[in-house]
C-alpha cells in the first residue's frame, strides 16, 4: 500500500500539483482516518481523491460534467483496478498506483476534457 495514513497522501497531492498548471484550486477534508479532496481543473472538470487508512480503500477519479471519465481505485472486492478513458464503467485490474502516476495519466489525456 503506497500510503500509511492520510498525511502521506496529502503530502503527495501537494507535491504533485506544485508544477501542474491545470489545477486551479483544491479543497481537503480530513475526518479521522478518511481524506476527501477535490482538485478543481475547470468549471466542469475536477479530480476527486478519497482515502480511508483503516480499510485501505482509495479512489482517484477524474470527473467531467458530473460523470466519471477516468479513475483508478483500490477496494476490498476488486483490489487495484482502472476505469479507462472511453469506458469508465469498466473495471480493469491494474498495478498499485499512487496519486502522482494518476495525475500523469490525466495530464496525458487533457484533450479529453474539451
N, C-alpha and C. Protein backbone atom coordinates (compact mmCIF):
# COMPACT_ATOMS: atom_id res chain seq x y z
N UNK A 1 0.86 -1.19 0.00
CA UNK A 1 0.00 0.00 0.00
C UNK A 1 0.89 1.23 0.00
N UNK A 2 0.65 2.16 -0.91
CA UNK A 2 1.55 3.31 -1.00
C UNK A 2 1.39 4.33 0.13
N UNK A 3 0.28 4.30 0.85
CA UNK A 3 0.05 5.31 1.88
C UNK A 3 -0.25 4.65 3.21
N UNK A 4 0.45 5.10 4.24
CA UNK A 4 0.22 4.57 5.58
C UNK A 4 -0.90 5.32 6.29
N UNK A 5 -0.99 6.62 6.02
CA UNK A 5 -2.04 7.41 6.65
C UNK A 5 -2.40 8.59 5.74
N UNK A 6 -3.38 9.37 6.15
CA UNK A 6 -3.87 10.46 5.31
C UNK A 6 -2.79 11.52 5.05
N UNK A 7 -1.89 11.72 5.99
CA UNK A 7 -0.84 12.73 5.79
C UNK A 7 0.12 12.34 4.68
N UNK A 8 0.40 11.05 4.53
CA UNK A 8 1.26 10.60 3.42
C UNK A 8 0.64 10.99 2.08
N UNK A 9 -0.64 10.71 1.92
CA UNK A 9 -1.32 11.05 0.67
C UNK A 9 -1.41 12.56 0.49
N UNK A 10 -1.72 13.27 1.54
CA UNK A 10 -1.82 14.73 1.47
C UNK A 10 -0.51 15.36 1.00
N UNK A 11 0.60 14.88 1.53
CA UNK A 11 1.92 15.38 1.11
C UNK A 11 2.15 15.11 -0.38
N UNK A 12 1.77 13.92 -0.83
CA UNK A 12 1.97 13.59 -2.24
C UNK A 12 1.09 14.45 -3.14
N UNK A 13 -0.16 14.68 -2.74
CA UNK A 13 -1.04 15.53 -3.54
C UNK A 13 -0.41 16.90 -3.73
N UNK A 14 0.01 17.52 -2.62
CA UNK A 14 0.58 18.86 -2.73
C UNK A 14 1.89 18.88 -3.53
N UNK A 15 2.75 17.89 -3.35
CA UNK A 15 4.00 17.91 -4.12
C UNK A 15 3.73 17.63 -5.60
N UNK A 16 2.71 16.83 -5.91
CA UNK A 16 2.40 16.50 -7.31
C UNK A 16 1.82 17.68 -8.08
N UNK A 17 1.07 18.53 -7.39
CA UNK A 17 0.41 19.63 -8.12
C UNK A 17 1.23 20.91 -8.16
N UNK A 18 2.39 20.93 -7.50
CA UNK A 18 3.23 22.13 -7.49
C UNK A 18 3.54 22.64 -8.89
N UNK A 19 3.84 21.74 -9.80
CA UNK A 19 4.24 22.16 -11.15
C UNK A 19 3.13 21.96 -12.18
N UNK A 20 1.91 21.72 -11.73
CA UNK A 20 0.79 21.47 -12.63
C UNK A 20 -0.05 22.72 -12.76
N UNK A 21 -0.18 23.20 -13.99
CA UNK A 21 -0.91 24.45 -14.21
C UNK A 21 -2.42 24.26 -14.32
N UNK A 22 -2.88 23.05 -14.60
CA UNK A 22 -4.30 22.86 -14.85
C UNK A 22 -5.12 22.67 -13.57
N UNK A 23 -4.50 22.59 -12.41
CA UNK A 23 -5.24 22.54 -11.14
C UNK A 23 -5.42 23.98 -10.66
N UNK A 24 -6.66 24.42 -10.60
CA UNK A 24 -6.97 25.82 -10.24
C UNK A 24 -7.13 26.02 -8.74
N UNK A 25 -7.72 25.04 -8.05
CA UNK A 25 -7.89 25.13 -6.60
C UNK A 25 -8.04 23.74 -6.01
N UNK A 26 -7.91 23.67 -4.69
CA UNK A 26 -8.00 22.38 -4.02
C UNK A 26 -8.74 22.54 -2.70
N UNK A 27 -9.59 21.58 -2.39
CA UNK A 27 -10.23 21.54 -1.08
C UNK A 27 -9.91 20.18 -0.46
N UNK A 28 -9.70 20.19 0.85
CA UNK A 28 -9.34 18.97 1.55
C UNK A 28 -10.16 18.88 2.83
N UNK A 29 -10.67 17.68 3.08
CA UNK A 29 -11.39 17.42 4.33
C UNK A 29 -10.83 16.12 4.92
N UNK A 30 -10.43 16.20 6.18
CA UNK A 30 -9.93 15.02 6.88
C UNK A 30 -10.84 14.76 8.07
N UNK A 31 -11.33 13.54 8.14
CA UNK A 31 -12.18 13.11 9.24
C UNK A 31 -11.59 11.81 9.79
N UNK A 32 -10.77 11.92 10.81
CA UNK A 32 -10.13 10.73 11.38
C UNK A 32 -9.28 10.04 10.34
N UNK A 33 -9.59 8.78 10.01
CA UNK A 33 -8.76 8.04 9.05
C UNK A 33 -9.12 8.31 7.59
N UNK A 34 -10.02 9.26 7.34
CA UNK A 34 -10.52 9.47 5.98
C UNK A 34 -10.09 10.84 5.45
N UNK A 35 -9.59 10.82 4.21
CA UNK A 35 -9.25 12.04 3.49
C UNK A 35 -10.14 12.13 2.27
N UNK A 36 -10.74 13.31 2.09
CA UNK A 36 -11.51 13.60 0.88
C UNK A 36 -10.95 14.90 0.32
N UNK A 37 -10.65 14.88 -0.97
CA UNK A 37 -10.08 16.06 -1.60
C UNK A 37 -10.69 16.25 -2.98
N UNK A 38 -10.84 17.51 -3.35
CA UNK A 38 -11.30 17.85 -4.71
C UNK A 38 -10.33 18.86 -5.29
N UNK A 39 -9.83 18.54 -6.47
CA UNK A 39 -8.91 19.42 -7.18
C UNK A 39 -9.64 19.94 -8.41
N UNK A 40 -9.94 21.21 -8.40
CA UNK A 40 -10.71 21.83 -9.48
C UNK A 40 -9.78 22.13 -10.65
N UNK A 41 -10.21 21.69 -11.84
CA UNK A 41 -9.45 21.93 -13.06
C UNK A 41 -10.11 23.00 -13.92
N UNK A 42 -11.40 22.85 -14.17
CA UNK A 42 -12.18 23.81 -14.94
C UNK A 42 -13.54 23.92 -14.26
N UNK A 43 -14.41 24.72 -14.84
CA UNK A 43 -15.76 24.84 -14.29
C UNK A 43 -16.49 23.51 -14.28
N UNK A 44 -16.16 22.63 -15.24
CA UNK A 44 -16.89 21.37 -15.37
C UNK A 44 -16.04 20.13 -15.15
N UNK A 45 -14.78 20.30 -14.75
CA UNK A 45 -13.90 19.14 -14.57
C UNK A 45 -13.11 19.25 -13.27
N UNK A 46 -13.00 18.12 -12.57
CA UNK A 46 -12.25 18.07 -11.33
C UNK A 46 -11.77 16.66 -11.06
N UNK A 47 -10.85 16.55 -10.11
CA UNK A 47 -10.35 15.27 -9.63
C UNK A 47 -10.82 15.11 -8.19
N UNK A 48 -11.45 13.98 -7.90
CA UNK A 48 -11.79 13.64 -6.53
C UNK A 48 -10.82 12.57 -6.03
N UNK A 49 -10.37 12.75 -4.79
CA UNK A 49 -9.50 11.77 -4.14
C UNK A 49 -10.17 11.35 -2.84
N UNK A 50 -10.24 10.05 -2.63
CA UNK A 50 -10.79 9.51 -1.39
C UNK A 50 -9.81 8.47 -0.87
N UNK A 51 -9.56 8.51 0.45
CA UNK A 51 -8.68 7.52 1.06
C UNK A 51 -9.15 7.23 2.47
N UNK A 52 -9.27 5.94 2.80
CA UNK A 52 -9.59 5.51 4.15
C UNK A 52 -8.41 4.66 4.63
N UNK A 53 -7.64 5.18 5.58
CA UNK A 53 -6.44 4.47 6.02
C UNK A 53 -6.75 3.20 6.82
N UNK A 54 -7.95 3.08 7.34
CA UNK A 54 -8.31 1.84 8.07
C UNK A 54 -8.66 0.72 7.11
N UNK A 55 -9.47 1.01 6.10
CA UNK A 55 -9.88 -0.04 5.14
C UNK A 55 -8.92 -0.16 3.97
N UNK A 56 -8.02 0.82 3.83
CA UNK A 56 -7.07 0.90 2.71
C UNK A 56 -7.78 1.11 1.37
N UNK A 57 -9.02 1.58 1.41
CA UNK A 57 -9.74 1.93 0.18
C UNK A 57 -9.20 3.26 -0.31
N UNK A 58 -9.04 3.36 -1.63
CA UNK A 58 -8.54 4.59 -2.21
C UNK A 58 -9.16 4.78 -3.58
N UNK A 59 -9.42 6.02 -3.93
CA UNK A 59 -10.04 6.31 -5.21
C UNK A 59 -9.49 7.62 -5.76
N UNK A 60 -9.01 7.56 -6.99
CA UNK A 60 -8.61 8.74 -7.75
C UNK A 60 -9.56 8.80 -8.94
N UNK A 61 -10.35 9.85 -9.03
CA UNK A 61 -11.40 9.91 -10.06
C UNK A 61 -11.37 11.25 -10.79
N UNK A 62 -11.32 11.19 -12.12
CA UNK A 62 -11.44 12.38 -12.95
C UNK A 62 -12.89 12.50 -13.39
N UNK A 63 -13.50 13.64 -13.10
CA UNK A 63 -14.91 13.87 -13.37
C UNK A 63 -15.07 15.05 -14.32
N UNK A 64 -15.94 14.87 -15.31
CA UNK A 64 -16.29 15.94 -16.24
C UNK A 64 -17.80 15.94 -16.39
N UNK A 65 -18.41 17.11 -16.29
CA UNK A 65 -19.87 17.23 -16.39
C UNK A 65 -20.59 16.24 -15.46
N UNK A 66 -20.08 16.14 -14.23
CA UNK A 66 -20.66 15.29 -13.19
C UNK A 66 -20.64 13.79 -13.49
N UNK A 67 -19.77 13.36 -14.40
CA UNK A 67 -19.63 11.93 -14.71
C UNK A 67 -18.16 11.53 -14.68
N UNK A 68 -17.89 10.36 -14.12
CA UNK A 68 -16.52 9.86 -14.13
C UNK A 68 -16.11 9.58 -15.57
N UNK A 69 -14.93 10.10 -15.95
CA UNK A 69 -14.41 9.78 -17.27
C UNK A 69 -13.12 8.94 -17.19
N UNK A 70 -12.54 8.85 -15.99
CA UNK A 70 -11.35 8.04 -15.77
C UNK A 70 -11.16 7.87 -14.28
N UNK A 71 -10.63 6.73 -13.89
CA UNK A 71 -10.36 6.53 -12.47
C UNK A 71 -9.47 5.34 -12.21
N UNK A 72 -8.83 5.37 -11.05
CA UNK A 72 -8.06 4.24 -10.55
C UNK A 72 -8.42 4.10 -9.07
N UNK A 73 -8.81 2.87 -8.68
CA UNK A 73 -9.29 2.62 -7.33
C UNK A 73 -8.64 1.38 -6.75
N UNK A 74 -8.74 1.30 -5.41
CA UNK A 74 -8.44 0.07 -4.69
C UNK A 74 -9.54 -0.13 -3.67
N UNK A 75 -10.18 -1.28 -3.72
CA UNK A 75 -11.18 -1.60 -2.71
C UNK A 75 -11.00 -3.05 -2.28
N UNK A 76 -11.75 -3.46 -1.28
CA UNK A 76 -11.58 -4.80 -0.72
C UNK A 76 -12.15 -5.89 -1.62
N UNK A 77 -12.94 -5.54 -2.61
CA UNK A 77 -13.55 -6.54 -3.50
C UNK A 77 -12.68 -6.78 -4.73
N UNK A 78 -12.29 -5.70 -5.42
CA UNK A 78 -11.57 -5.83 -6.70
C UNK A 78 -10.08 -5.53 -6.61
N UNK A 79 -9.59 -5.14 -5.43
CA UNK A 79 -8.21 -4.69 -5.28
C UNK A 79 -7.96 -3.51 -6.23
N UNK A 80 -6.77 -3.38 -6.81
CA UNK A 80 -6.47 -2.25 -7.69
C UNK A 80 -7.11 -2.47 -9.06
N UNK A 81 -7.79 -1.44 -9.55
CA UNK A 81 -8.40 -1.53 -10.88
C UNK A 81 -8.55 -0.14 -11.48
N UNK A 82 -8.64 -0.13 -12.81
CA UNK A 82 -8.72 1.12 -13.57
C UNK A 82 -10.08 1.22 -14.25
N UNK A 83 -10.59 2.44 -14.30
CA UNK A 83 -11.79 2.77 -15.07
C UNK A 83 -11.27 3.60 -16.26
N UNK A 84 -11.08 2.97 -17.41
CA UNK A 84 -10.35 3.63 -18.51
C UNK A 84 -11.14 4.75 -19.19
N UNK A 85 -10.38 5.66 -19.78
CA UNK A 85 -10.97 6.67 -20.66
C UNK A 85 -11.74 5.92 -21.75
N UNK A 86 -12.88 6.42 -22.13
CA UNK A 86 -13.67 5.79 -23.18
C UNK A 86 -14.65 4.76 -22.67
N UNK A 87 -14.37 4.15 -21.52
CA UNK A 87 -15.28 3.17 -20.93
C UNK A 87 -15.09 3.17 -19.40
N UNK A 88 -15.45 4.28 -18.74
CA UNK A 88 -15.16 4.41 -17.32
C UNK A 88 -15.98 3.51 -16.40
N UNK A 89 -16.95 2.79 -16.94
CA UNK A 89 -17.71 1.85 -16.10
C UNK A 89 -17.04 0.49 -16.02
N UNK A 90 -16.03 0.28 -16.85
CA UNK A 90 -15.29 -0.98 -16.87
C UNK A 90 -14.33 -1.03 -15.68
N UNK A 91 -14.00 -2.23 -15.22
CA UNK A 91 -13.04 -2.44 -14.14
C UNK A 91 -11.93 -3.32 -14.67
N UNK A 92 -10.76 -2.72 -14.92
CA UNK A 92 -9.63 -3.46 -15.45
C UNK A 92 -8.57 -3.58 -14.36
N UNK A 93 -8.20 -4.80 -13.96
CA UNK A 93 -7.16 -4.95 -12.94
C UNK A 93 -5.89 -4.19 -13.35
N UNK A 94 -5.25 -3.57 -12.37
CA UNK A 94 -4.01 -2.84 -12.63
C UNK A 94 -3.09 -2.94 -11.42
N UNK A 95 -1.89 -2.46 -11.60
CA UNK A 95 -0.92 -2.45 -10.51
C UNK A 95 -1.26 -1.35 -9.51
N UNK A 96 -0.71 -1.48 -8.32
CA UNK A 96 -0.84 -0.43 -7.30
C UNK A 96 -0.42 0.90 -7.92
N UNK A 97 -1.19 1.94 -7.65
CA UNK A 97 -0.96 3.24 -8.28
C UNK A 97 -0.94 4.32 -7.22
N UNK A 98 -0.05 5.28 -7.39
CA UNK A 98 -0.05 6.43 -6.48
C UNK A 98 -0.66 7.64 -7.18
N UNK A 99 -0.87 8.70 -6.43
CA UNK A 99 -1.53 9.88 -6.99
C UNK A 99 -0.70 10.51 -8.10
N UNK A 100 0.61 10.54 -7.95
CA UNK A 100 1.47 11.14 -8.96
C UNK A 100 1.31 10.45 -10.31
N UNK A 101 1.26 9.13 -10.30
CA UNK A 101 1.08 8.36 -11.53
C UNK A 101 -0.30 8.63 -12.13
N UNK A 102 -1.32 8.68 -11.29
CA UNK A 102 -2.67 9.00 -11.76
C UNK A 102 -2.68 10.38 -12.42
N UNK A 103 -2.07 11.36 -11.78
CA UNK A 103 -2.06 12.73 -12.31
C UNK A 103 -1.33 12.80 -13.64
N UNK A 104 -0.27 12.03 -13.80
CA UNK A 104 0.45 11.97 -15.08
C UNK A 104 -0.46 11.44 -16.19
N UNK A 105 -1.27 10.43 -15.86
CA UNK A 105 -2.21 9.87 -16.84
C UNK A 105 -3.26 10.92 -17.22
N UNK A 106 -3.73 11.68 -16.25
CA UNK A 106 -4.69 12.76 -16.53
C UNK A 106 -4.04 13.79 -17.43
N UNK A 107 -2.81 14.16 -17.12
CA UNK A 107 -2.08 15.17 -17.90
C UNK A 107 -1.94 14.74 -19.36
N UNK A 108 -1.66 13.46 -19.60
CA UNK A 108 -1.51 12.94 -20.97
C UNK A 108 -2.84 12.98 -21.74
N UNK A 109 -3.95 13.04 -21.02
CA UNK A 109 -5.27 12.96 -21.65
C UNK A 109 -6.09 14.24 -21.48
N UNK A 110 -5.44 15.36 -21.28
CA UNK A 110 -6.15 16.63 -21.08
C UNK A 110 -7.07 16.97 -22.26
N UNK A 111 -6.71 16.51 -23.45
CA UNK A 111 -7.54 16.78 -24.62
C UNK A 111 -8.94 16.20 -24.48
N UNK A 112 -9.12 15.20 -23.65
CA UNK A 112 -10.44 14.58 -23.45
C UNK A 112 -11.35 15.44 -22.56
N UNK A 113 -10.81 16.51 -22.02
CA UNK A 113 -11.62 17.40 -21.19
C UNK A 113 -12.28 18.51 -22.00
N UNK A 114 -11.95 18.61 -23.26
CA UNK A 114 -12.51 19.68 -24.11
C UNK A 114 -13.87 19.31 -24.63
